mmCIF file of all heavy atoms, coordinates in Angstrom:
data_MODEL
# 
_entry.id   MODEL 
# 
loop_
_atom_site.group_PDB 
_atom_site.id 
_atom_site.type_symbol 
_atom_site.label_atom_id 
_atom_site.label_alt_id 
_atom_site.label_comp_id 
_atom_site.label_asym_id 
_atom_site.label_entity_id 
_atom_site.label_seq_id 
_atom_site.pdbx_PDB_ins_code 
_atom_site.Cartn_x 
_atom_site.Cartn_y 
_atom_site.Cartn_z 
_atom_site.occupancy 
_atom_site.B_iso_or_equiv 
_atom_site.pdbx_formal_charge 
_atom_site.auth_seq_id 
_atom_site.auth_comp_id 
_atom_site.auth_asym_id 
_atom_site.auth_atom_id 
_atom_site.pdbx_PDB_model_num 
ATOM 1   N N   . LEU A 1 1  ? 0.841   -1.189  0.000  1.00 0.00 ? 1  LEU A N   1 
ATOM 2   C CA  . LEU A 1 1  ? 0.000   0.000   0.000  1.00 0.00 ? 1  LEU A CA  1 
ATOM 3   C C   . LEU A 1 1  ? 0.875   1.239   0.000  1.00 0.00 ? 1  LEU A C   1 
ATOM 4   O O   . LEU A 1 1  ? 1.797   1.345   0.811  1.00 0.00 ? 1  LEU A O   1 
ATOM 5   C CB  . LEU A 1 1  ? -0.911  0.013   1.228  1.00 0.00 ? 1  LEU A CB  1 
ATOM 6   C CG  . LEU A 1 1  ? -1.858  -1.174  1.386  1.00 0.00 ? 1  LEU A CG  1 
ATOM 7   C CD1 . LEU A 1 1  ? -2.640  -1.066  2.685  1.00 0.00 ? 1  LEU A CD1 1 
ATOM 8   C CD2 . LEU A 1 1  ? -2.813  -1.263  0.203  1.00 0.00 ? 1  LEU A CD2 1 
ATOM 9   N N   . ALA A 1 2  ? 0.568   2.154   -0.893 1.00 0.00 ? 2  ALA A N   1 
ATOM 10  C CA  . ALA A 1 2  ? 1.317   3.403   -0.979 1.00 0.00 ? 2  ALA A CA  1 
ATOM 11  C C   . ALA A 1 2  ? 0.359   4.565   -0.771 1.00 0.00 ? 2  ALA A C   1 
ATOM 12  O O   . ALA A 1 2  ? -0.571  4.747   -1.546 1.00 0.00 ? 2  ALA A O   1 
ATOM 13  C CB  . ALA A 1 2  ? 1.999   3.515   -2.338 1.00 0.00 ? 2  ALA A CB  1 
ATOM 14  N N   . GLU A 1 3  ? 0.584   5.314   0.288  1.00 0.00 ? 3  GLU A N   1 
ATOM 15  C CA  . GLU A 1 3  ? -0.262  6.464   0.603  1.00 0.00 ? 3  GLU A CA  1 
ATOM 16  C C   . GLU A 1 3  ? 0.402   7.739   0.105  1.00 0.00 ? 3  GLU A C   1 
ATOM 17  O O   . GLU A 1 3  ? 1.628   7.848   0.083  1.00 0.00 ? 3  GLU A O   1 
ATOM 18  C CB  . GLU A 1 3  ? -0.476  6.559   2.106  1.00 0.00 ? 3  GLU A CB  1 
ATOM 19  C CG  . GLU A 1 3  ? -1.202  5.362   2.691  1.00 0.00 ? 3  GLU A CG  1 
ATOM 20  C CD  . GLU A 1 3  ? -0.737  5.020   4.078  1.00 0.00 ? 3  GLU A CD  1 
ATOM 21  O OE1 . GLU A 1 3  ? 0.453   5.282   4.364  1.00 0.00 ? 3  GLU A OE1 1 
ATOM 22  O OE2 . GLU A 1 3  ? -1.524  4.469   4.865  1.00 0.00 ? 3  GLU A OE2 1 
ATOM 23  N N   . SER A 1 4  ? -0.410  8.698   -0.239 1.00 0.00 ? 4  SER A N   1 
ATOM 24  C CA  . SER A 1 4  ? 0.103   10.002  -0.635 1.00 0.00 ? 4  SER A CA  1 
ATOM 25  C C   . SER A 1 4  ? -0.910  11.068  -0.247 1.00 0.00 ? 4  SER A C   1 
ATOM 26  O O   . SER A 1 4  ? -2.071  10.782  0.018  1.00 0.00 ? 4  SER A O   1 
ATOM 27  C CB  . SER A 1 4  ? 0.379   10.044  -2.137 1.00 0.00 ? 4  SER A CB  1 
ATOM 28  O OG  . SER A 1 4  ? -0.815  9.817   -2.862 1.00 0.00 ? 4  SER A OG  1 
ATOM 29  N N   . GLY A 1 5  ? -0.445  12.296  -0.249 1.00 0.00 ? 5  GLY A N   1 
ATOM 30  C CA  . GLY A 1 5  ? -1.292  13.400  0.168  1.00 0.00 ? 5  GLY A CA  1 
ATOM 31  C C   . GLY A 1 5  ? -1.061  13.714  1.626  1.00 0.00 ? 5  GLY A C   1 
ATOM 32  O O   . GLY A 1 5  ? -0.036  13.373  2.197  1.00 0.00 ? 5  GLY A O   1 
ATOM 33  N N   . GLY A 1 6  ? -2.019  14.340  2.253  1.00 0.00 ? 6  GLY A N   1 
ATOM 34  C CA  . GLY A 1 6  ? -1.858  14.751  3.640  1.00 0.00 ? 6  GLY A CA  1 
ATOM 35  C C   . GLY A 1 6  ? -1.110  16.069  3.718  1.00 0.00 ? 6  GLY A C   1 
ATOM 36  O O   . GLY A 1 6  ? -0.930  16.759  2.732  1.00 0.00 ? 6  GLY A O   1 
ATOM 37  N N   . GLY A 1 7  ? -0.683  16.423  4.908  1.00 0.00 ? 7  GLY A N   1 
ATOM 38  C CA  . GLY A 1 7  ? 0.021   17.675  5.114  1.00 0.00 ? 7  GLY A CA  1 
ATOM 39  C C   . GLY A 1 7  ? -0.663  18.522  6.171  1.00 0.00 ? 7  GLY A C   1 
ATOM 40  O O   . GLY A 1 7  ? -1.361  17.999  7.041  1.00 0.00 ? 7  GLY A O   1 
ATOM 41  N N   . SER A 1 8  ? -0.467  19.824  6.058  1.00 0.00 ? 8  SER A N   1 
ATOM 42  C CA  . SER A 1 8  ? -0.999  20.754  7.054  1.00 0.00 ? 8  SER A CA  1 
ATOM 43  C C   . SER A 1 8  ? -2.017  21.693  6.414  1.00 0.00 ? 8  SER A C   1 
ATOM 44  O O   . SER A 1 8  ? -1.846  22.114  5.270  1.00 0.00 ? 8  SER A O   1 
ATOM 45  C CB  . SER A 1 8  ? 0.135   21.571  7.667  1.00 0.00 ? 8  SER A CB  1 
ATOM 46  O OG  . SER A 1 8  ? 1.051   20.733  8.332  1.00 0.00 ? 8  SER A OG  1 
ATOM 47  N N   . VAL A 1 9  ? -3.029  22.026  7.179  1.00 0.00 ? 9  VAL A N   1 
ATOM 48  C CA  . VAL A 1 9  ? -4.081  22.915  6.688  1.00 0.00 ? 9  VAL A CA  1 
ATOM 49  C C   . VAL A 1 9  ? -4.699  23.651  7.865  1.00 0.00 ? 9  VAL A C   1 
ATOM 50  O O   . VAL A 1 9  ? -4.653  23.162  9.003  1.00 0.00 ? 9  VAL A O   1 
ATOM 51  C CB  . VAL A 1 9  ? -5.149  22.100  5.922  1.00 0.00 ? 9  VAL A CB  1 
ATOM 52  C CG1 . VAL A 1 9  ? -5.909  21.183  6.865  1.00 0.00 ? 9  VAL A CG1 1 
ATOM 53  C CG2 . VAL A 1 9  ? -6.076  23.004  5.132  1.00 0.00 ? 9  VAL A CG2 1 
ATOM 54  N N   . ASP A 1 10 ? -5.248  24.803  7.617  1.00 0.00 ? 10 ASP A N   1 
ATOM 55  C CA  . ASP A 1 10 ? -5.961  25.542  8.659  1.00 0.00 ? 10 ASP A CA  1 
ATOM 56  C C   . ASP A 1 10 ? -7.352  24.945  8.856  1.00 0.00 ? 10 ASP A C   1 
ATOM 57  O O   . ASP A 1 10 ? -7.927  24.342  7.946  1.00 0.00 ? 10 ASP A O   1 
ATOM 58  C CB  . ASP A 1 10 ? -6.099  27.012  8.295  1.00 0.00 ? 10 ASP A CB  1 
ATOM 59  C CG  . ASP A 1 10 ? -4.765  27.729  8.295  1.00 0.00 ? 10 ASP A CG  1 
ATOM 60  O OD1 . ASP A 1 10 ? -3.843  27.291  9.029  1.00 0.00 ? 10 ASP A OD1 1 
ATOM 61  O OD2 . ASP A 1 10 ? -4.635  28.734  7.576  1.00 0.00 ? 10 ASP A OD2 1 
ATOM 62  N N   . ALA A 1 11 ? -7.879  25.136  10.039 1.00 0.00 ? 11 ALA A N   1 
ATOM 63  C CA  . ALA A 1 11 ? -9.227  24.654  10.335 1.00 0.00 ? 11 ALA A CA  1 
ATOM 64  C C   . ALA A 1 11 ? -10.215 25.199  9.310  1.00 0.00 ? 11 ALA A C   1 
ATOM 65  O O   . ALA A 1 11 ? -10.142 26.367  8.914  1.00 0.00 ? 11 ALA A O   1 
ATOM 66  C CB  . ALA A 1 11 ? -9.639  25.077  11.738 1.00 0.00 ? 11 ALA A CB  1 
ATOM 67  N N   . GLY A 1 12 ? -11.107 24.332  8.870  1.00 0.00 ? 12 GLY A N   1 
ATOM 68  C CA  . GLY A 1 12 ? -12.075 24.704  7.848  1.00 0.00 ? 12 GLY A CA  1 
ATOM 69  C C   . GLY A 1 12 ? -11.641 24.367  6.445  1.00 0.00 ? 12 GLY A C   1 
ATOM 70  O O   . GLY A 1 12 ? -12.448 24.398  5.507  1.00 0.00 ? 12 GLY A O   1 
ATOM 71  N N   . GLY A 1 13 ? -10.374 24.014  6.307  1.00 0.00 ? 13 GLY A N   1 
ATOM 72  C CA  . GLY A 1 13 ? -9.848  23.680  4.988  1.00 0.00 ? 13 GLY A CA  1 
ATOM 73  C C   . GLY A 1 13 ? -10.107 22.236  4.610  1.00 0.00 ? 13 GLY A C   1 
ATOM 74  O O   . GLY A 1 13 ? -10.779 21.484  5.329  1.00 0.00 ? 13 GLY A O   1 
ATOM 75  N N   . SER A 1 14 ? -9.568  21.860  3.455  1.00 0.00 ? 14 SER A N   1 
ATOM 76  C CA  . SER A 1 14 ? -9.765  20.517  2.921  1.00 0.00 ? 14 SER A CA  1 
ATOM 77  C C   . SER A 1 14 ? -8.435  19.891  2.538  1.00 0.00 ? 14 SER A C   1 
ATOM 78  O O   . SER A 1 14 ? -7.481  20.593  2.197  1.00 0.00 ? 14 SER A O   1 
ATOM 79  C CB  . SER A 1 14 ? -10.664 20.568  1.684  1.00 0.00 ? 14 SER A CB  1 
ATOM 80  O OG  . SER A 1 14 ? -11.943 21.064  1.986  1.00 0.00 ? 14 SER A OG  1 
ATOM 81  N N   . LEU A 1 15 ? -8.406  18.581  2.596  1.00 0.00 ? 15 LEU A N   1 
ATOM 82  C CA  . LEU A 1 15 ? -7.254  17.817  2.148  1.00 0.00 ? 15 LEU A CA  1 
ATOM 83  C C   . LEU A 1 15 ? -7.758  16.527  1.515  1.00 0.00 ? 15 LEU A C   1 
ATOM 84  O O   . LEU A 1 15 ? -8.846  16.053  1.840  1.00 0.00 ? 15 LEU A O   1 
ATOM 85  C CB  . LEU A 1 15 ? -6.326  17.462  3.311  1.00 0.00 ? 15 LEU A CB  1 
ATOM 86  C CG  . LEU A 1 15 ? -5.366  18.516  3.830  1.00 0.00 ? 15 LEU A CG  1 
ATOM 87  C CD1 . LEU A 1 15 ? -4.630  17.992  5.069  1.00 0.00 ? 15 LEU A CD1 1 
ATOM 88  C CD2 . LEU A 1 15 ? -4.368  18.926  2.772  1.00 0.00 ? 15 LEU A CD2 1 
ATOM 89  N N   . ARG A 1 16 ? -6.937  15.973  0.650  1.00 0.00 ? 16 ARG A N   1 
ATOM 90  C CA  . ARG A 1 16 ? -7.258  14.687  0.069  1.00 0.00 ? 16 ARG A CA  1 
ATOM 91  C C   . ARG A 1 16 ? -6.050  13.779  0.193  1.00 0.00 ? 16 ARG A C   1 
ATOM 92  O O   . ARG A 1 16 ? -4.921  14.182  -0.118 1.00 0.00 ? 16 ARG A O   1 
ATOM 93  C CB  . ARG A 1 16 ? -7.664  14.825  -1.405 1.00 0.00 ? 16 ARG A CB  1 
ATOM 94  C CG  . ARG A 1 16 ? -8.149  13.514  -1.990 1.00 0.00 ? 16 ARG A CG  1 
ATOM 95  C CD  . ARG A 1 16 ? -8.721  13.700  -3.358 1.00 0.00 ? 16 ARG A CD  1 
ATOM 96  N NE  . ARG A 1 16 ? -7.720  14.076  -4.339 1.00 0.00 ? 16 ARG A NE  1 
ATOM 97  C CZ  . ARG A 1 16 ? -7.979  14.236  -5.627 1.00 0.00 ? 16 ARG A CZ  1 
ATOM 98  N NH1 . ARG A 1 16 ? -9.226  14.073  -6.078 1.00 0.00 ? 16 ARG A NH1 1 
ATOM 99  N NH2 . ARG A 1 16 ? -7.029  14.566  -6.462 1.00 0.00 ? 16 ARG A NH2 1 
ATOM 100 N N   . ILE A 1 17 ? -6.281  12.579  0.644  1.00 0.00 ? 17 ILE A N   1 
ATOM 101 C CA  . ILE A 1 17 ? -5.223  11.585  0.728  1.00 0.00 ? 17 ILE A CA  1 
ATOM 102 C C   . ILE A 1 17 ? -5.623  10.392  -0.119 1.00 0.00 ? 17 ILE A C   1 
ATOM 103 O O   . ILE A 1 17 ? -6.822  10.119  -0.318 1.00 0.00 ? 17 ILE A O   1 
ATOM 104 C CB  . ILE A 1 17 ? -4.928  11.156  2.182  1.00 0.00 ? 17 ILE A CB  1 
ATOM 105 C CG1 . ILE A 1 17 ? -6.199  10.689  2.890  1.00 0.00 ? 17 ILE A CG1 1 
ATOM 106 C CG2 . ILE A 1 17 ? -4.275  12.291  2.941  1.00 0.00 ? 17 ILE A CG2 1 
ATOM 107 C CD1 . ILE A 1 17 ? -5.938  10.232  4.336  1.00 0.00 ? 17 ILE A CD1 1 
ATOM 108 N N   . SER A 1 18 ? -4.642  9.708   -0.654 1.00 0.00 ? 18 SER A N   1 
ATOM 109 C CA  . SER A 1 18 ? -4.918  8.582   -1.531 1.00 0.00 ? 18 SER A CA  1 
ATOM 110 C C   . SER A 1 18 ? -4.086  7.378   -1.144 1.00 0.00 ? 18 SER A C   1 
ATOM 111 O O   . SER A 1 18 ? -3.041  7.502   -0.496 1.00 0.00 ? 18 SER A O   1 
ATOM 112 C CB  . SER A 1 18 ? -4.648  8.968   -2.981 1.00 0.00 ? 18 SER A CB  1 
ATOM 113 O OG  . SER A 1 18 ? -3.283  9.278   -3.160 1.00 0.00 ? 18 SER A OG  1 
ATOM 114 N N   . CYS A 1 19 ? -4.571  6.241   -1.570 1.00 0.00 ? 19 CYS A N   1 
ATOM 115 C CA  . CYS A 1 19 ? -3.895  4.981   -1.294 1.00 0.00 ? 19 CYS A CA  1 
ATOM 116 C C   . CYS A 1 19 ? -3.976  4.118   -2.536 1.00 0.00 ? 19 CYS A C   1 
ATOM 117 O O   . CYS A 1 19 ? -5.056  3.965   -3.123 1.00 0.00 ? 19 CYS A O   1 
ATOM 118 C CB  . CYS A 1 19 ? -4.561  4.278   -0.116 1.00 0.00 ? 19 CYS A CB  1 
ATOM 119 S SG  . CYS A 1 19 ? -3.848  2.675   0.293  1.00 0.00 ? 19 CYS A SG  1 
ATOM 120 N N   . ALA A 1 20 ? -2.856  3.565   -2.913 1.00 0.00 ? 20 ALA A N   1 
ATOM 121 C CA  . ALA A 1 20 ? -2.811  2.676   -4.067 1.00 0.00 ? 20 ALA A CA  1 
ATOM 122 C C   . ALA A 1 20 ? -2.302  1.315   -3.623 1.00 0.00 ? 20 ALA A C   1 
ATOM 123 O O   . ALA A 1 20 ? -1.254  1.230   -2.969 1.00 0.00 ? 20 ALA A O   1 
ATOM 124 C CB  . ALA A 1 20 ? -1.901  3.251   -5.141 1.00 0.00 ? 20 ALA A CB  1 
ATOM 125 N N   . ALA A 1 21 ? -3.040  0.289   -3.969 1.00 0.00 ? 21 ALA A N   1 
ATOM 126 C CA  . ALA A 1 21 ? -2.651  -1.073  -3.628 1.00 0.00 ? 21 ALA A CA  1 
ATOM 127 C C   . ALA A 1 21 ? -2.016  -1.753  -4.834 1.00 0.00 ? 21 ALA A C   1 
ATOM 128 O O   . ALA A 1 21 ? -2.483  -1.594  -5.956 1.00 0.00 ? 21 ALA A O   1 
ATOM 129 C CB  . ALA A 1 21 ? -3.867  -1.863  -3.153 1.00 0.00 ? 21 ALA A CB  1 
ATOM 130 N N   . SER A 1 22 ? -0.978  -2.500  -4.582 1.00 0.00 ? 22 SER A N   1 
ATOM 131 C CA  . SER A 1 22 ? -0.321  -3.239  -5.648 1.00 0.00 ? 22 SER A CA  1 
ATOM 132 C C   . SER A 1 22 ? 0.081   -4.611  -5.131 1.00 0.00 ? 22 SER A C   1 
ATOM 133 O O   . SER A 1 22 ? 0.090   -4.858  -3.931 1.00 0.00 ? 22 SER A O   1 
ATOM 134 C CB  . SER A 1 22 ? 0.902   -2.480  -6.167 1.00 0.00 ? 22 SER A CB  1 
ATOM 135 O OG  . SER A 1 22 ? 1.845   -2.301  -5.131 1.00 0.00 ? 22 SER A OG  1 
ATOM 136 N N   . GLY A 1 23 ? 0.417   -5.478  -6.057 1.00 0.00 ? 23 GLY A N   1 
ATOM 137 C CA  . GLY A 1 23 ? 0.787   -6.826  -5.669 1.00 0.00 ? 23 GLY A CA  1 
ATOM 138 C C   . GLY A 1 23 ? -0.335  -7.807  -5.955 1.00 0.00 ? 23 GLY A C   1 
ATOM 139 O O   . GLY A 1 23 ? -1.042  -7.686  -6.929 1.00 0.00 ? 23 GLY A O   1 
ATOM 140 N N   . GLN A 1 24 ? -0.542  -8.738  -5.071 1.00 0.00 ? 24 GLN A N   1 
ATOM 141 C CA  . GLN A 1 24 ? -1.500  -9.820  -5.287 1.00 0.00 ? 24 GLN A CA  1 
ATOM 142 C C   . GLN A 1 24 ? -2.896  -9.431  -4.823 1.00 0.00 ? 24 GLN A C   1 
ATOM 143 O O   . GLN A 1 24 ? -3.444  -10.006 -3.876 1.00 0.00 ? 24 GLN A O   1 
ATOM 144 C CB  . GLN A 1 24 ? -1.013  -11.080 -4.578 1.00 0.00 ? 24 GLN A CB  1 
ATOM 145 C CG  . GLN A 1 24 ? 0.323   -11.584 -5.117 1.00 0.00 ? 24 GLN A CG  1 
ATOM 146 C CD  . GLN A 1 24 ? 0.841   -12.782 -4.336 1.00 0.00 ? 24 GLN A CD  1 
ATOM 147 O OE1 . GLN A 1 24 ? 0.592   -12.921 -3.142 1.00 0.00 ? 24 GLN A OE1 1 
ATOM 148 N NE2 . GLN A 1 24 ? 1.561   -13.647 -5.012 1.00 0.00 ? 24 GLN A NE2 1 
ATOM 149 N N   . THR A 1 25 ? -3.472  -8.461  -5.530 1.00 0.00 ? 25 THR A N   1 
ATOM 150 C CA  . THR A 1 25 ? -4.824  -8.025  -5.193 1.00 0.00 ? 25 THR A CA  1 
ATOM 151 C C   . THR A 1 25 ? -5.841  -8.841  -5.971 1.00 0.00 ? 25 THR A C   1 
ATOM 152 O O   . THR A 1 25 ? -5.594  -9.231  -7.117 1.00 0.00 ? 25 THR A O   1 
ATOM 153 C CB  . THR A 1 25 ? -5.027  -6.544  -5.505 1.00 0.00 ? 25 THR A CB  1 
ATOM 154 O OG1 . THR A 1 25 ? -4.803  -6.325  -6.902 1.00 0.00 ? 25 THR A OG1 1 
ATOM 155 C CG2 . THR A 1 25 ? -4.057  -5.678  -4.713 1.00 0.00 ? 25 THR A CG2 1 
ATOM 156 N N   . LEU A 1 26 ? -6.980  -9.087  -5.348 1.00 0.00 ? 26 LEU A N   1 
ATOM 157 C CA  . LEU A 1 26 ? -8.068  -9.795  -6.005 1.00 0.00 ? 26 LEU A CA  1 
ATOM 158 C C   . LEU A 1 26 ? -9.087  -8.793  -6.513 1.00 0.00 ? 26 LEU A C   1 
ATOM 159 O O   . LEU A 1 26 ? -9.009  -7.600  -6.205 1.00 0.00 ? 26 LEU A O   1 
ATOM 160 C CB  . LEU A 1 26 ? -8.722  -10.766 -5.016 1.00 0.00 ? 26 LEU A CB  1 
ATOM 161 C CG  . LEU A 1 26 ? -7.784  -11.812 -4.398 1.00 0.00 ? 26 LEU A CG  1 
ATOM 162 C CD1 . LEU A 1 26 ? -8.552  -12.661 -3.390 1.00 0.00 ? 26 LEU A CD1 1 
ATOM 163 C CD2 . LEU A 1 26 ? -7.150  -12.667 -5.479 1.00 0.00 ? 26 LEU A CD2 1 
# 
């Protein structure tokens, strides 16, 4: 699993984080 995104933001703001799975996925 590889995560990306995140970080710092002021209250009321938005963020998006993602996850990509690789390998022996069904």
